[in-house]
Amino acid sequence: MCANHFQILKNEDVPLDGLAGKSVSIIGYGNQGKAHALNLRDSGLDVVIGARNPDKAREDGFTVRSIADSSSSELVIIALPDEIQKNIYTKDIAPNLIQGATLGFIHGFAIHFGQIDPPAGIGVVMVAPKGPGITVRQKYLEGSGVLTLLAVERENSTQTARELALGWAAGIGSSRLGVLESTFKNETETDLFGEQSIIVGGLATLIQASYETLVDGGYPPELAYIECCHEVKQVADIIHERGIAEMMKAISNTAEMGAYEAMDLLDDEHLRNKLRTLLNNVQDGSFAKRLVKNEIHNKREELRNHEIEKVGKEIRSVMHQDDD
């Protein structure tokens, strides 16, 4: 399936040479920005950081400038939260872009949804690791890398945007594992849907709802946490390494047969309609508009105060004693 839809590049197909002697700036020094900056530097490249809060970048030994002053490099990588990219780009980045520069994105959101529309002659590329910044850094230090999506939305006036993107992917270590050709549209829409439907939203909802069902049924909260939250990682690790079918093979017959019963019960038209709604909201841009307008209620504090968090903290303190 992948062979029909993706071109997978690695090693000599992803040369670092495209960034040799080029000026590189990273705007933003959060989880992804920091990981990309450290990996690129360890790959022998000079990187300038432009950040709203520059202290951490200075502590890590980087040259730090204002966002405006950092925007005059040949490759300007934007590693800012999606919802603020438009304002910072308009105010500080766009007026300082040099002729033939290339803008780099770690996620396609701002370009795909028209938040940023660079002028003609400016390259637009994306290098999107399929993992959090901490993993991008950890895998690099281990001599490996994170699978990464690469897209060239627009070439620059000197036709070097793709070379810069390949060099960037190589510099963060992704050439060691694999770089998949994609598009801004496909990366953005699948990423947003996956985060909402399963990776974050769906998973958190199932964990919490299952926990509450057991507790409401009179079972000890500690057992409810272990069954509905703690063991998730163990199963997810097997799926990650071997796939769903092999995971089923690795668990008990009782667990496997129970899973098939649950799959038939849970996967109904109601669930599919909810998933289609999530996808439609991503595709039509309505989720993006609500995000940018800050119309989505932040539930972090509500989640932090849920009983599962208090019970989980106690269980984890016991489970992780051997890590001390």
C-alpha atoms as a PDB file:
ATOM      1  CA  MET A   1       0.000   0.000   0.000  1.00  0.00           C
ATOM      2  CA  CYS A   2       2.738   2.468   0.933  1.00  0.00           C
ATOM      3  CA  ALA A   3       4.587   1.706  -2.290  1.00  0.00           C
ATOM      4  CA  ASN A   4       1.604   2.925  -4.297  1.00  0.00           C
ATOM      5  CA  HIS A   5       1.169   6.204  -2.438  1.00  0.00           C
ATOM      6  CA  PHE A   6       4.557   7.163  -1.029  1.00  0.00           C
ATOM      7  CA  GLN A   7       8.111   7.368  -2.196  1.00  0.00           C
ATOM      8  CA  ILE A   8      10.313   6.355   0.715  1.00  0.00           C
ATOM      9  CA  LEU A   9      13.739   7.974   0.808  1.00  0.00           C
ATOM     10  CA  LYS A  10      16.711   7.270   3.074  1.00  0.00           C
ATOM     11  CA  ASN A  11      20.491   7.418   3.318  1.00  0.00           C
ATOM     12  CA  GLU A  12      21.999   8.658   0.036  1.00  0.00           C
ATOM     13  CA  ASP A  13      18.550   9.766  -1.207  1.00  0.00           C
ATOM     14  CA  VAL A  14      18.438  12.354   1.568  1.00  0.00           C
ATOM     15  CA  PRO A  15      21.746  14.233   1.405  1.00  0.00           C
ATOM     16  CA  LEU A  16      22.812  16.752   4.010  1.00  0.00           C
ATOM     17  CA  ASP A  17      24.673  18.634   1.269  1.00  0.00           C
ATOM     18  CA  GLY A  18      21.685  20.828   0.458  1.00  0.00           C
ATOM     19  CA  LEU A  19      22.237  22.754   3.692  1.00  0.00           C
ATOM     20  CA  ALA A  20      26.018  22.945   3.466  1.00  0.00           C
ATOM     21  CA  GLY A  21      27.087  26.569   3.780  1.00  0.00           C
ATOM     22  CA  LYS A  22      23.480  27.776   4.007  1.00  0.00           C
ATOM     23  CA  SER A  23      22.128  30.034   6.731  1.00  0.00           C
ATOM     24  CA  VAL A  24      19.443  28.369   8.836  1.00  0.00           C
ATOM     25  CA  SER A  25      17.101  29.915  11.377  1.00  0.00           C
ATOM     26  CA  ILE A  26      14.548  28.242  13.604  1.00  0.00           C
ATOM     27  CA  ILE A  27      11.700  30.429  14.819  1.00  0.00           C
ATOM     28  CA  GLY A  28      10.459  28.939  18.060  1.00  0.00           C
ATOM     29  CA  TYR A  29      12.244  26.844  20.670  1.00  0.00           C
ATOM     30  CA  GLY A  30       9.571  24.551  22.039  1.00  0.00           C
ATOM     31  CA  ASN A  31       9.594  20.758  21.905  1.00  0.00           C
ATOM     32  CA  GLN A  32      10.030  20.438  18.148  1.00  0.00           C
ATOM     33  CA  GLY A  33      12.096  23.588  17.624  1.00  0.00           C
ATOM     34  CA  LYS A  34      14.606  22.590  20.276  1.00  0.00           C
ATOM     35  CA  ALA A  35      14.961  19.043  18.944  1.00  0.00           C
ATOM     36  CA  HIS A  36      15.481  20.199  15.357  1.00  0.00           C
ATOM     37  CA  ALA A  37      17.974  22.847  16.440  1.00  0.00           C
ATOM     38  CA  LEU A  38      20.058  20.451  18.551  1.00  0.00           C
ATOM     39  CA  ASN A  39      20.049  17.728  15.890  1.00  0.00           C
ATOM     40  CA  LEU A  40      20.989  20.120  13.086  1.00  0.00           C
ATOM     41  CA  ARG A  41      23.822  21.537  15.175  1.00  0.00           C
ATOM     42  CA  ASP A  42      25.093  18.064  16.019  1.00  0.00           C
ATOM     43  CA  SER A  43      25.026  17.339  12.279  1.00  0.00           C
ATOM     44  CA  GLY A  44      27.534  20.157  11.770  1.00  0.00           C
ATOM     45  CA  LEU A  45      25.205  22.989  10.780  1.00  0.00           C
ATOM     46  CA  ASP A  46      25.079  26.515  12.165  1.00  0.00           C
ATOM     47  CA  VAL A  47      21.626  27.417  13.460  1.00  0.00           C
ATOM     48  CA  VAL A  48      20.287  30.765  14.655  1.00  0.00           C
ATOM     49  CA  ILE A  49      17.299  30.812  17.006  1.00  0.00           C
ATOM     50  CA  GLY A  50      14.526  33.382  17.042  1.00  0.00           C
ATOM     51  CA  ALA A  51      12.183  32.786  19.977  1.00  0.00           C
ATOM     52  CA  ARG A  52       9.594  34.547  22.083  1.00  0.00           C
ATOM     53  CA  ASN A  53      11.323  33.178  25.184  1.00  0.00           C
ATOM     54  CA  PRO A  54      15.006  32.867  24.235  1.00  0.00           C
ATOM     55  CA  ASP A  55      16.579  31.957  27.595  1.00  0.00           C
ATOM     56  CA  LYS A  56      16.568  28.167  27.060  1.00  0.00           C
ATOM     57  CA  ALA A  57      18.130  28.510  23.625  1.00  0.00           C
ATOM     58  CA  ARG A  58      20.888  30.695  25.068  1.00  0.00           C
ATOM     59  CA  GLU A  59      21.491  28.172  27.848  1.00  0.00           C
ATOM     60  CA  ASP A  60      21.913  25.498  25.154  1.00  0.00           C
ATOM     61  CA  GLY A  61      24.607  27.592  23.497  1.00  0.00           C
ATOM     62  CA  PHE A  62      22.756  28.864  20.430  1.00  0.00           C
ATOM     63  CA  THR A  63      23.084  32.256  18.811  1.00  0.00           C
ATOM     64  CA  VAL A  64      19.790  33.951  19.641  1.00  0.00           C
ATOM     65  CA  ARG A  65      18.329  36.952  17.827  1.00  0.00           C
ATOM     66  CA  SER A  66      14.947  38.605  17.624  1.00  0.00           C
ATOM     67  CA  ILE A  67      12.414  36.821  15.445  1.00  0.00           C
ATOM     68  CA  ALA A  68      12.642  39.644  12.931  1.00  0.00           C
ATOM     69  CA  ASP A  69      16.439  39.474  12.727  1.00  0.00           C
ATOM     70  CA  SER A  70      16.342  35.673  12.519  1.00  0.00           C
ATOM     71  CA  SER A  71      14.063  35.749   9.487  1.00  0.00           C
ATOM     72  CA  SER A  72      16.709  36.738   6.949  1.00  0.00           C
ATOM     73  CA  SER A  73      18.230  33.261   6.526  1.00  0.00           C
ATOM     74  CA  GLU A  74      18.144  31.092   3.431  1.00  0.00           C
ATOM     75  CA  LEU A  75      16.066  28.491   5.311  1.00  0.00           C
ATOM     76  CA  VAL A  76      13.659  29.846   7.908  1.00  0.00           C
ATOM     77  CA  ILE A  77      12.024  27.017   9.874  1.00  0.00           C
ATOM     78  CA  ILE A  78       8.830  28.014  11.669  1.00  0.00           C
ATOM     79  CA  ALA A  79       8.413  25.943  14.835  1.00  0.00           C
ATOM     80  CA  LEU A  80       5.697  27.979  16.524  1.00  0.00           C
ATOM     81  CA  PRO A  81       2.229  26.840  17.680  1.00  0.00           C
ATOM     82  CA  ASP A  82      -0.169  26.687  14.729  1.00  0.00           C
ATOM     83  CA  GLU A  83      -2.611  29.242  16.103  1.00  0.00           C
ATOM     84  CA  ILE A  84      -0.041  32.064  16.415  1.00  0.00           C
ATOM     85  CA  GLN A  85       1.983  31.527  13.250  1.00  0.00           C
ATOM     86  CA  LYS A  86      -0.060  33.913  11.103  1.00  0.00           C
ATOM     87  CA  ASN A  87       0.384  36.940  13.368  1.00  0.00           C
ATOM     88  CA  ILE A  88       4.102  36.423  13.941  1.00  0.00           C
ATOM     89  CA  TYR A  89       4.716  35.692  10.263  1.00  0.00           C
ATOM     90  CA  THR A  90       2.900  38.874   9.192  1.00  0.00           C
ATOM     91  CA  LYS A  91       4.538  41.087  11.808  1.00  0.00           C
ATOM     92  CA  ASP A  92       8.102  39.806  12.072  1.00  0.00           C
ATOM     93  CA  ILE A  93       8.958  37.198   9.438  1.00  0.00           C
ATOM     94  CA  ALA A  94       7.468  38.330   6.115  1.00  0.00           C
ATOM     95  CA  PRO A  95       9.049  41.825   6.104  1.00  0.00           C
ATOM     96  CA  ASN A  96      12.522  40.339   6.650  1.00  0.00           C
ATOM     97  CA  LEU A  97      12.591  37.435   4.188  1.00  0.00           C
ATOM     98  CA  ILE A  98      15.453  37.638   1.723  1.00  0.00           C
ATOM     99  CA  GLN A  99      15.016  37.057  -1.994  1.00  0.00           C
ATOM    100  CA  GLY A 100      14.936  33.350  -2.831  1.00  0.00           C
ATOM    101  CA  ALA A 101      14.549  32.246   0.788  1.00  0.00           C
ATOM    102  CA  THR A 102      12.684  29.107   1.774  1.00  0.00           C
ATOM    103  CA  LEU A 103      10.164  28.812   4.577  1.00  0.00           C
ATOM    104  CA  GLY A 104      10.175  25.479   6.402  1.00  0.00           C
ATOM    105  CA  PHE A 105       7.241  24.063   8.338  1.00  0.00           C
ATOM    106  CA  ILE A 106       7.106  21.166  10.793  1.00  0.00           C
ATOM    107  CA  HIS A 107       3.338  20.848  10.288  1.00  0.00           C
ATOM    108  CA  GLY A 108       1.318  21.903   7.233  1.00  0.00           C
ATOM    109  CA  PHE A 109      -1.487  23.702   9.102  1.00  0.00           C
ATOM    110  CA  ALA A 110      -0.625  27.342   8.374  1.00  0.00           C
ATOM    111  CA  ILE A 111      -0.034  26.817   4.656  1.00  0.00           C
ATOM    112  CA  HIS A 112      -2.866  24.368   3.994  1.00  0.00           C
ATOM    113  CA  PHE A 113      -5.490  26.515   5.707  1.00  0.00           C
ATOM    114  CA  GLY A 114      -4.224  29.765   4.180  1.00  0.00           C
ATOM    115  CA  GLN A 115      -2.968  31.296   7.399  1.00  0.00           C
ATOM    116  CA  ILE A 116       0.321  32.078   5.652  1.00  0.00           C
ATOM    117  CA  ASP A 117       0.672  32.878   1.945  1.00  0.00           C
ATOM    118  CA  PRO A 118       4.330  33.637   1.105  1.00  0.00           C
ATOM    119  CA  PRO A 119       5.125  35.836  -1.895  1.00  0.00           C
ATOM    120  CA  ALA A 120       6.322  34.503  -5.233  1.00  0.00           C
ATOM    121  CA  GLY A 121       9.940  33.372  -5.257  1.00  0.00           C
ATOM    122  CA  ILE A 122       9.860  32.154  -1.652  1.00  0.00           C
ATOM    123  CA  GLY A 123      10.106  28.376  -1.280  1.00  0.00           C
ATOM    124  CA  VAL A 124       7.664  26.503   0.938  1.00  0.00           C
ATOM    125  CA  VAL A 125       8.672  23.102   2.294  1.00  0.00           C
ATOM    126  CA  MET A 126       7.719  20.790   5.138  1.00  0.00           C
ATOM    127  CA  VAL A 127       9.715  18.311   7.198  1.00  0.00           C
ATOM    128  CA  ALA A 128       7.263  16.729   9.631  1.00  0.00           C
ATOM    129  CA  PRO A 129       8.595  14.009  11.957  1.00  0.00           C
ATOM    130  CA  LYS A 130       5.904  11.552  13.012  1.00  0.00           C
ATOM    131  CA  GLY A 131       6.757  11.811  16.665  1.00  0.00           C
ATOM    132  CA  PRO A 132       7.164  14.413  19.439  1.00  0.00           C
ATOM    133  CA  GLY A 133      10.284  16.525  19.733  1.00  0.00           C
ATOM    134  CA  ILE A 134      11.640  14.517  22.652  1.00  0.00           C
ATOM    135  CA  THR A 135      11.556  11.394  20.475  1.00  0.00           C
ATOM    136  CA  VAL A 136      13.178  13.199  17.539  1.00  0.00           C
ATOM    137  CA  ARG A 137      16.066  14.101  19.832  1.00  0.00           C
ATOM    138  CA  GLN A 138      16.288  10.749  21.612  1.00  0.00           C
ATOM    139  CA  LYS A 139      16.321   8.710  18.396  1.00  0.00           C
ATOM    140  CA  TYR A 140      19.006  10.966  16.928  1.00  0.00           C
ATOM    141  CA  LEU A 141      21.236  10.469  19.973  1.00  0.00           C
ATOM    142  CA  GLU A 142      20.699   6.717  19.677  1.00  0.00           C
ATOM    143  CA  GLY A 143      21.973   6.796  16.101  1.00  0.00           C
ATOM    144  CA  SER A 144      18.539   6.370  14.575  1.00  0.00           C
ATOM    145  CA  GLY A 145      15.758   8.730  13.549  1.00  0.00           C
ATOM    146  CA  VAL A 146      12.021   9.287  13.347  1.00  0.00           C
ATOM    147  CA  LEU A 147       9.988   8.557  10.239  1.00  0.00           C
ATOM    148  CA  THR A 148       9.364  11.922   8.586  1.00  0.00           C
ATOM    149  CA  LEU A 149       7.036  13.338   5.944  1.00  0.00           C
ATOM    150  CA  LEU A 150       8.586  15.700   3.401  1.00  0.00           C
ATOM    151  CA  ALA A 151       6.701  18.004   1.055  1.00  0.00           C
ATOM    152  CA  VAL A 152       7.631  20.779  -1.339  1.00  0.00           C
ATOM    153  CA  GLU A 153       4.631  23.042  -1.783  1.00  0.00           C
ATOM    154  CA  ARG A 154       6.516  25.640  -3.760  1.00  0.00           C
ATOM    155  CA  GLU A 155      10.039  25.980  -5.125  1.00  0.00           C
ATOM    156  CA  ASN A 156      12.047  29.135  -4.503  1.00  0.00           C
ATOM    157  CA  SER A 157      13.419  31.402  -7.207  1.00  0.00           C
ATOM    158  CA  THR A 158      16.784  29.614  -7.173  1.00  0.00           C
ATOM    159  CA  GLN A 159      15.244  26.114  -7.317  1.00  0.00           C
ATOM    160  CA  THR A 160      16.983  25.007  -4.118  1.00  0.00           C
ATOM    161  CA  ALA A 161      13.959  24.531  -1.819  1.00  0.00           C
ATOM    162  CA  ARG A 162      13.849  20.757  -2.224  1.00  0.00           C
ATOM    163  CA  GLU A 163      17.598  20.456  -1.624  1.00  0.00           C
ATOM    164  CA  LEU A 164      17.226  22.482   1.560  1.00  0.00           C
ATOM    165  CA  ALA A 165      14.334  20.302   2.742  1.00  0.00           C
ATOM    166  CA  LEU A 166      16.299  17.105   2.103  1.00  0.00           C
ATOM    167  CA  GLY A 167      19.275  18.525   3.982  1.00  0.00           C
ATOM    168  CA  TRP A 168      17.009  19.482   6.861  1.00  0.00           C
ATOM    169  CA  ALA A 169      15.529  15.958   7.008  1.00  0.00           C
ATOM    170  CA  ALA A 170      19.020  14.472   6.950  1.00  0.00           C
ATOM    171  CA  GLY A 171      20.229  16.873   9.620  1.00  0.00           C
ATOM    172  CA  ILE A 172      17.597  15.828  12.140  1.00  0.00           C
ATOM    173  CA  GLY A 173      18.422  12.147  11.549  1.00  0.00           C
ATOM    174  CA  SER A 174      15.376  11.080   9.551  1.00  0.00           C
ATOM    175  CA  SER A 175      17.435   9.815   6.625  1.00  0.00           C
ATOM    176  CA  ARG A 176      18.666   7.024   8.903  1.00  0.00           C
ATOM    177  CA  LEU A 177      15.146   5.584   9.118  1.00  0.00           C
ATOM    178  CA  GLY A 178      13.047   6.937   6.271  1.00  0.00           C
ATOM    179  CA  VAL A 179      11.581  10.037   4.651  1.00  0.00           C
ATOM    180  CA  LEU A 180       8.190   9.746   2.977  1.00  0.00           C
ATOM    181  CA  GLU A 181       7.120  12.056   0.166  1.00  0.00           C
ATOM    182  CA  SER A 182       3.780  13.687   0.995  1.00  0.00           C
ATOM    183  CA  THR A 183       1.813  16.921   0.583  1.00  0.00           C
ATOM    184  CA  PHE A 184       0.831  19.713   2.934  1.00  0.00           C
ATOM    185  CA  LYS A 185      -2.834  18.738   2.522  1.00  0.00           C
ATOM    186  CA  ASN A 186      -2.380  15.053   3.272  1.00  0.00           C
ATOM    187  CA  GLU A 187      -0.045  15.607   6.231  1.00  0.00           C
ATOM    188  CA  THR A 188      -2.263  18.249   7.808  1.00  0.00           C
ATOM    189  CA  GLU A 189      -5.612  16.528   7.452  1.00  0.00           C
ATOM    190  CA  THR A 190      -4.446  13.051   8.455  1.00  0.00           C
ATOM    191  CA  ASP A 191      -2.435  14.431  11.369  1.00  0.00           C
ATOM    192  CA  LEU A 192      -5.322  16.447  12.790  1.00  0.00           C
ATOM    193  CA  PHE A 193      -7.791  13.596  12.326  1.00  0.00           C
ATOM    194  CA  GLY A 194      -5.462  11.021  13.876  1.00  0.00           C
ATOM    195  CA  GLU A 195      -4.797  13.222  16.900  1.00  0.00           C
ATOM    196  CA  GLN A 196      -8.494  13.761  17.483  1.00  0.00           C
ATOM    197  CA  SER A 197      -9.907  10.345  16.641  1.00  0.00           C
ATOM    198  CA  ILE A 198      -7.449   8.014  18.366  1.00  0.00           C
ATOM    199  CA  ILE A 199      -3.969   9.191  19.317  1.00  0.00           C
ATOM    200  CA  VAL A 200      -5.105  11.789  21.851  1.00  0.00           C
ATOM    201  CA  GLY A 201      -8.827  12.533  21.844  1.00  0.00           C
ATOM    202  CA  GLY A 202     -10.192   9.048  21.292  1.00  0.00           C
ATOM    203  CA  LEU A 203      -7.668   7.344  23.542  1.00  0.00           C
ATOM    204  CA  ALA A 204      -8.172   9.775  26.430  1.00  0.00           C
ATOM    205  CA  THR A 205     -11.948   9.480  26.114  1.00  0.00           C
ATOM    206  CA  LEU A 206     -11.924   5.660  26.102  1.00  0.00           C
ATOM    207  CA  ILE A 207      -9.549   5.503  29.075  1.00  0.00           C
ATOM    208  CA  GLN A 208     -11.585   7.932  31.141  1.00  0.00           C
ATOM    209  CA  ALA A 209     -14.993   6.497  30.203  1.00  0.00           C
ATOM    210  CA  SER A 210     -13.840   2.915  30.873  1.00  0.00           C
ATOM    211  CA  TYR A 211     -12.350   3.907  34.225  1.00  0.00           C
ATOM    212  CA  GLU A 212     -15.562   5.660  35.266  1.00  0.00           C
ATOM    213  CA  THR A 213     -17.663   2.665  34.189  1.00  0.00           C
ATOM    214  CA  LEU A 214     -15.702   0.324  36.459  1.00  0.00           C
ATOM    215  CA  VAL A 215     -15.703   2.728  39.418  1.00  0.00           C
ATOM    216  CA  ASP A 216     -19.435   3.401  39.000  1.00  0.00           C
ATOM    217  CA  GLY A 217     -19.883  -0.382  38.967  1.00  0.00           C
ATOM    218  CA  GLY A 218     -18.379  -0.588  42.442  1.00  0.00           C
ATOM    219  CA  TYR A 219     -14.832  -1.690  41.604  1.00  0.00           C
ATOM    220  CA  PRO A 220     -11.737  -0.263  43.368  1.00  0.00           C
ATOM    221  CA  PRO A 221     -10.359   2.842  41.605  1.00  0.00           C
ATOM    222  CA  GLU A 222      -6.839   1.399  41.753  1.00  0.00           C
ATOM    223  CA  LEU A 223      -7.859  -1.701  39.780  1.00  0.00           C
ATOM    224  CA  ALA A 224      -9.866   0.439  37.366  1.00  0.00           C
ATOM    225  CA  TYR A 225      -6.775   2.559  36.671  1.00  0.00           C
ATOM    226  CA  ILE A 226      -4.501  -0.434  36.158  1.00  0.00           C
ATOM    227  CA  GLU A 227      -6.913  -2.128  33.756  1.00  0.00           C
ATOM    228  CA  CYS A 228      -8.037   0.936  31.789  1.00  0.00           C
ATOM    229  CA  CYS A 229      -4.920   3.128  31.730  1.00  0.00           C
ATOM    230  CA  HIS A 230      -1.735   1.453  32.938  1.00  0.00           C
ATOM    231  CA  GLU A 231      -1.945  -1.536  30.611  1.00  0.00           C
ATOM    232  CA  VAL A 232      -2.645   0.574  27.518  1.00  0.00           C
ATOM    233  CA  LYS A 233       1.061   1.141  26.909  1.00  0.00           C
ATOM    234  CA  GLN A 234       1.875  -2.553  27.007  1.00  0.00           C
ATOM    235  CA  VAL A 235      -0.635  -3.336  24.269  1.00  0.00           C
ATOM    236  CA  ALA A 236       0.226  -0.192  22.275  1.00  0.00           C
ATOM    237  CA  ASP A 237       3.904  -1.184  22.312  1.00  0.00           C
ATOM    238  CA  ILE A 238       3.088  -4.563  20.757  1.00  0.00           C
ATOM    239  CA  ILE A 239       0.932  -2.917  18.076  1.00  0.00           C
ATOM    240  CA  HIS A 240       3.707  -0.421  17.385  1.00  0.00           C
ATOM    241  CA  GLU A 241       6.287  -3.173  16.977  1.00  0.00           C
ATOM    242  CA  ARG A 242       4.272  -5.953  15.313  1.00  0.00           C
ATOM    243  CA  GLY A 243       0.832  -4.710  14.194  1.00  0.00           C
ATOM    244  CA  ILE A 244      -2.720  -5.427  15.348  1.00  0.00           C
ATOM    245  CA  ALA A 245      -2.952  -9.064  14.241  1.00  0.00           C
ATOM    246  CA  GLU A 246       0.298 -10.007  15.983  1.00  0.00           C
ATOM    247  CA  MET A 247      -0.848  -8.163  19.095  1.00  0.00           C
ATOM    248  CA  MET A 248      -3.924 -10.395  19.150  1.00  0.00           C
ATOM    249  CA  LYS A 249      -1.652 -13.408  18.844  1.00  0.00           C
ATOM    250  CA  ALA A 250       0.493 -12.208  21.753  1.00  0.00           C
ATOM    251  CA  ILE A 251      -2.328 -11.828  24.285  1.00  0.00           C
ATOM    252  CA  SER A 252      -4.439 -14.490  25.981  1.00  0.00           C
ATOM    253  CA  ASN A 253      -7.213 -16.265  24.115  1.00  0.00           C
ATOM    254  CA  THR A 254      -9.723 -14.778  26.544  1.00  0.00           C
ATOM    255  CA  ALA A 255      -8.480 -11.238  25.858  1.00  0.00           C
ATOM    256  CA  GLU A 256      -8.497 -11.835  22.114  1.00  0.00           C
ATOM    257  CA  MET A 257     -12.030 -13.238  21.994  1.00  0.00           C
ATOM    258  CA  GLY A 258     -13.226 -10.466  24.304  1.00  0.00           C
ATOM    259  CA  ALA A 259     -11.675  -7.930  21.956  1.00  0.00           C
ATOM    260  CA  TYR A 260     -13.659  -9.268  19.008  1.00  0.00           C
ATOM    261  CA  GLU A 261     -16.879  -9.032  21.027  1.00  0.00           C
ATOM    262  CA  ALA A 262     -16.069  -5.435  21.967  1.00  0.00           C
ATOM    263  CA  MET A 263     -15.090  -4.469  18.419  1.00  0.00           C
ATOM    264  CA  ASP A 264     -18.453  -5.659  17.104  1.00  0.00           C
ATOM    265  CA  LEU A 265     -20.309  -3.792  19.850  1.00  0.00           C
ATOM    266  CA  LEU A 266     -18.398  -0.498  19.785  1.00  0.00           C
ATOM    267  CA  ASP A 267     -17.796  -0.117  16.064  1.00  0.00           C
ATOM    268  CA  ASP A 268     -21.270   0.831  14.905  1.00  0.00           C
ATOM    269  CA  GLU A 269     -22.706   3.490  12.623  1.00  0.00           C
ATOM    270  CA  HIS A 270     -22.899   5.941  15.518  1.00  0.00           C
ATOM    271  CA  LEU A 271     -19.127   5.702  16.014  1.00  0.00           C
ATOM    272  CA  ARG A 272     -18.473   5.972  12.270  1.00  0.00           C
ATOM    273  CA  ASN A 273     -20.665   9.084  12.051  1.00  0.00           C
ATOM    274  CA  LYS A 274     -18.715  10.688  14.894  1.00  0.00           C
ATOM    275  CA  LEU A 275     -15.427   9.901  13.120  1.00  0.00           C
ATOM    276  CA  ARG A 276     -16.780  11.286   9.839  1.00  0.00           C
ATOM    277  CA  THR A 277     -17.789  14.462  11.664  1.00  0.00           C
ATOM    278  CA  LEU A 278     -14.262  14.881  13.030  1.00  0.00           C
ATOM    279  CA  LEU A 279     -12.813  14.368   9.551  1.00  0.00           C
ATOM    280  CA  ASN A 280     -15.288  16.781   7.949  1.00  0.00           C
ATOM    281  CA  ASN A 281     -14.427  19.448  10.531  1.00  0.00           C
ATOM    282  CA  VAL A 282     -10.767  19.041   9.631  1.00  0.00           C
ATOM    283  CA  GLN A 283     -11.345  19.016   5.872  1.00  0.00           C
ATOM    284  CA  ASP A 284     -13.647  22.039   5.709  1.00  0.00           C
ATOM    285  CA  GLY A 285     -11.375  24.147   7.912  1.00  0.00           C
ATOM    286  CA  SER A 286     -13.923  24.676  10.689  1.00  0.00           C
ATOM    287  CA  PHE A 287     -11.637  23.112  13.315  1.00  0.00           C
ATOM    288  CA  ALA A 288      -8.771  25.325  12.127  1.00  0.00           C
ATOM    289  CA  LYS A 289     -10.940  28.441  12.450  1.00  0.00           C
ATOM    290  CA  ARG A 290     -11.993  27.547  15.990  1.00  0.00           C
ATOM    291  CA  LEU A 291      -8.393  26.845  16.957  1.00  0.00           C
ATOM    292  CA  VAL A 292      -7.076  30.141  15.600  1.00  0.00           C
ATOM    293  CA  LYS A 293      -9.943  32.094  17.166  1.00  0.00           C
ATOM    294  CA  ASN A 294      -9.308  30.388  20.520  1.00  0.00           C
ATOM    295  CA  GLU A 295     -12.890  29.121  20.643  1.00  0.00           C
ATOM    296  CA  ILE A 296     -12.075  25.615  21.899  1.00  0.00           C
ATOM    297  CA  HIS A 297     -12.410  25.110  25.640  1.00  0.00           C
ATOM    298  CA  ASN A 298      -9.164  24.001  27.287  1.00  0.00           C
ATOM    299  CA  LYS A 299      -9.886  21.022  29.536  1.00  0.00           C
ATOM    300  CA  ARG A 300      -6.401  20.468  30.949  1.00  0.00           C
ATOM    301  CA  GLU A 301      -7.323  21.653  34.440  1.00  0.00           C
ATOM    302  CA  GLU A 302     -10.536  19.630  34.380  1.00  0.00           C
ATOM    303  CA  LEU A 303      -8.569  16.527  33.422  1.00  0.00           C
ATOM    304  CA  ARG A 304      -5.948  17.235  36.079  1.00  0.00           C
ATOM    305  CA  ASN A 305      -8.636  17.300  38.757  1.00  0.00           C
ATOM    306  CA  HIS A 306     -10.289  14.054  37.664  1.00  0.00           C
ATOM    307  CA  GLU A 307     -10.056  11.153  40.119  1.00  0.00           C
ATOM    308  CA  ILE A 308      -8.138   9.045  37.597  1.00  0.00           C
ATOM    309  CA  GLU A 309      -5.215  11.470  37.833  1.00  0.00           C
ATOM    310  CA  LYS A 310      -5.013  11.218  41.610  1.00  0.00           C
ATOM    311  CA  VAL A 311      -5.263   7.431  41.568  1.00  0.00           C
ATOM    312  CA  GLY A 312      -2.845   7.218  38.665  1.00  0.00           C
ATOM    313  CA  LYS A 313      -0.223   9.258  40.488  1.00  0.00           C
ATOM    314  CA  GLU A 314      -0.307   6.807  43.389  1.00  0.00           C
ATOM    315  CA  ILE A 315      -0.148   3.746  41.129  1.00  0.00           C
ATOM    316  CA  ARG A 316       2.706   5.170  39.037  1.00  0.00           C
ATOM    317  CA  SER A 317       4.705   5.929  42.179  1.00  0.00           C
ATOM    318  CA  VAL A 318       4.603   2.205  42.985  1.00  0.00           C
ATOM    319  CA  MET A 319       5.066   0.947  39.426  1.00  0.00           C
ATOM    320  CA  HIS A 320       8.092   3.159  38.797  1.00  0.00           C
ATOM    321  CA  GLN A 321      10.001   2.487  42.006  1.00  0.00           C
ATOM    322  CA  ASP A 322      12.543   0.406  40.105  1.00  0.00           C
ATOM    323  CA  ASP A 323      13.315   3.446  37.894  1.00  0.00           C
ATOM    324  CA  ASP A 324      14.763   5.422  40.818  1.00  0.00           C
END
